[in-house]
Structures are given as C-alpha cells and as structure tokens.
Amino acid sequence: MRPNSELISPALAMGETMMLGLRLLDEGVRFNRFAARFGVDLRDVYRKEIERLSRMGLVEVNSDRV
C-alpha cells in the first residue's frame, strides 16, 4: 500500500461510487460500468434504495443507468 492511501471495503467503494455518480446529473451511474467494476448489478445491491428514491422523484432510472 502506498503512503497516504486508504484501503476500503468493497461495500464502501460501491457506496462511494453511487454517491459520487449520482451527483453527476447528466451521467448518473451506469449499470454496465458498476457491474464491470464490482462484479454485481447495482440494482441487486441497492434495489430498495433506488425504488424508494425513485418513488420520491429524487432519482430517475432508465435502461442503462440511475
């Protein structure tokens, strides 16, 4: 590990990816990129959260991204 670096868990890395990606309103978080990076579908990991936020009108989900 390099000096001044931090080792984070996969769960934290996924959460950071979602948080930072959702701030990019035009880009969002693409399903294929998330799966390529983490080996899981983000809809499986964050299904409840995505459904709740979508019902509240806080996120949009389309065929390729949140």
Protein backbone atom coordinates (compact mmCIF):
# COMPACT_ATOMS: atom_id res chain seq x y z
CA MET A 1 0.00 0.00 0.00
CA ARG A 2 1.26 3.47 -0.87
CA PRO A 3 1.83 6.10 1.80
CA ASN A 4 -1.22 8.31 2.35
CA SER A 5 -3.51 5.73 0.75
CA GLU A 6 -6.53 4.07 2.27
CA LEU A 7 -7.78 0.53 1.82
CA ILE A 8 -11.57 0.49 1.71
CA SER A 9 -14.03 -2.38 1.67
CA PRO A 10 -15.95 -3.29 -1.49
CA ALA A 11 -19.20 -2.14 0.18
CA LEU A 12 -17.72 1.28 0.93
CA ALA A 13 -16.29 1.52 -2.60
CA MET A 14 -19.75 0.75 -4.05
CA GLY A 15 -21.36 3.36 -1.82
CA GLU A 16 -18.78 5.97 -2.82
CA THR A 17 -19.31 5.14 -6.49
CA MET A 18 -23.06 5.62 -6.11
CA MET A 19 -22.77 8.83 -4.11
CA LEU A 20 -20.29 10.44 -6.49
CA GLY A 21 -22.01 9.13 -9.64
CA LEU A 22 -25.44 10.38 -8.62
CA ARG A 23 -24.02 13.87 -8.23
CA LEU A 24 -23.31 13.86 -11.98
CA LEU A 25 -26.84 14.60 -13.11
CA ASP A 26 -26.21 14.09 -16.82
CA GLU A 27 -24.16 10.92 -16.32
CA GLY A 28 -25.50 9.12 -13.25
CA VAL A 29 -24.28 5.60 -12.53
CA ARG A 30 -24.28 3.23 -15.49
CA PHE A 31 -25.30 -0.35 -14.81
CA ASN A 32 -22.61 -1.86 -17.05
CA ARG A 33 -19.76 0.17 -15.54
CA PHE A 34 -20.81 -0.66 -11.98
CA ALA A 35 -21.03 -4.36 -12.84
CA ALA A 36 -17.65 -4.29 -14.60
CA ARG A 37 -16.00 -2.69 -11.58
CA PHE A 38 -17.66 -4.65 -8.78
CA GLY A 39 -18.93 -7.84 -10.41
CA VAL A 40 -22.52 -7.27 -9.24
CA ASP A 41 -25.55 -5.47 -10.62
CA LEU A 42 -26.17 -2.24 -8.71
CA ARG A 43 -29.91 -2.96 -8.88
CA ASP A 44 -29.30 -6.07 -6.78
CA VAL A 45 -27.20 -4.17 -4.25
CA TYR A 46 -29.33 -1.01 -4.00
CA ARG A 47 -32.79 -2.16 -5.15
CA LYS A 48 -34.71 -0.90 -2.10
CA GLU A 49 -32.92 2.43 -2.03
CA ILE A 50 -33.37 3.01 -5.76
CA GLU A 51 -37.07 2.13 -5.61
CA ARG A 52 -37.65 4.42 -2.63
CA LEU A 53 -35.74 7.35 -4.13
CA SER A 54 -37.45 6.85 -7.48
CA ARG A 55 -40.91 6.93 -5.87
CA MET A 56 -39.90 10.18 -4.16
CA GLY A 57 -38.81 11.63 -7.51
CA LEU A 58 -35.20 12.01 -6.36
CA VAL A 59 -33.62 9.67 -8.93
CA GLU A 60 -34.54 8.52 -12.41
CA VAL A 61 -33.88 5.01 -13.65
CA ASN A 62 -33.70 4.16 -17.34
CA SER A 63 -32.45 1.19 -19.34
CA ASP A 64 -28.75 1.86 -18.78
CA ARG A 65 -28.34 3.95 -15.62
CA VAL A 66 -29.66 5.51 -12.45
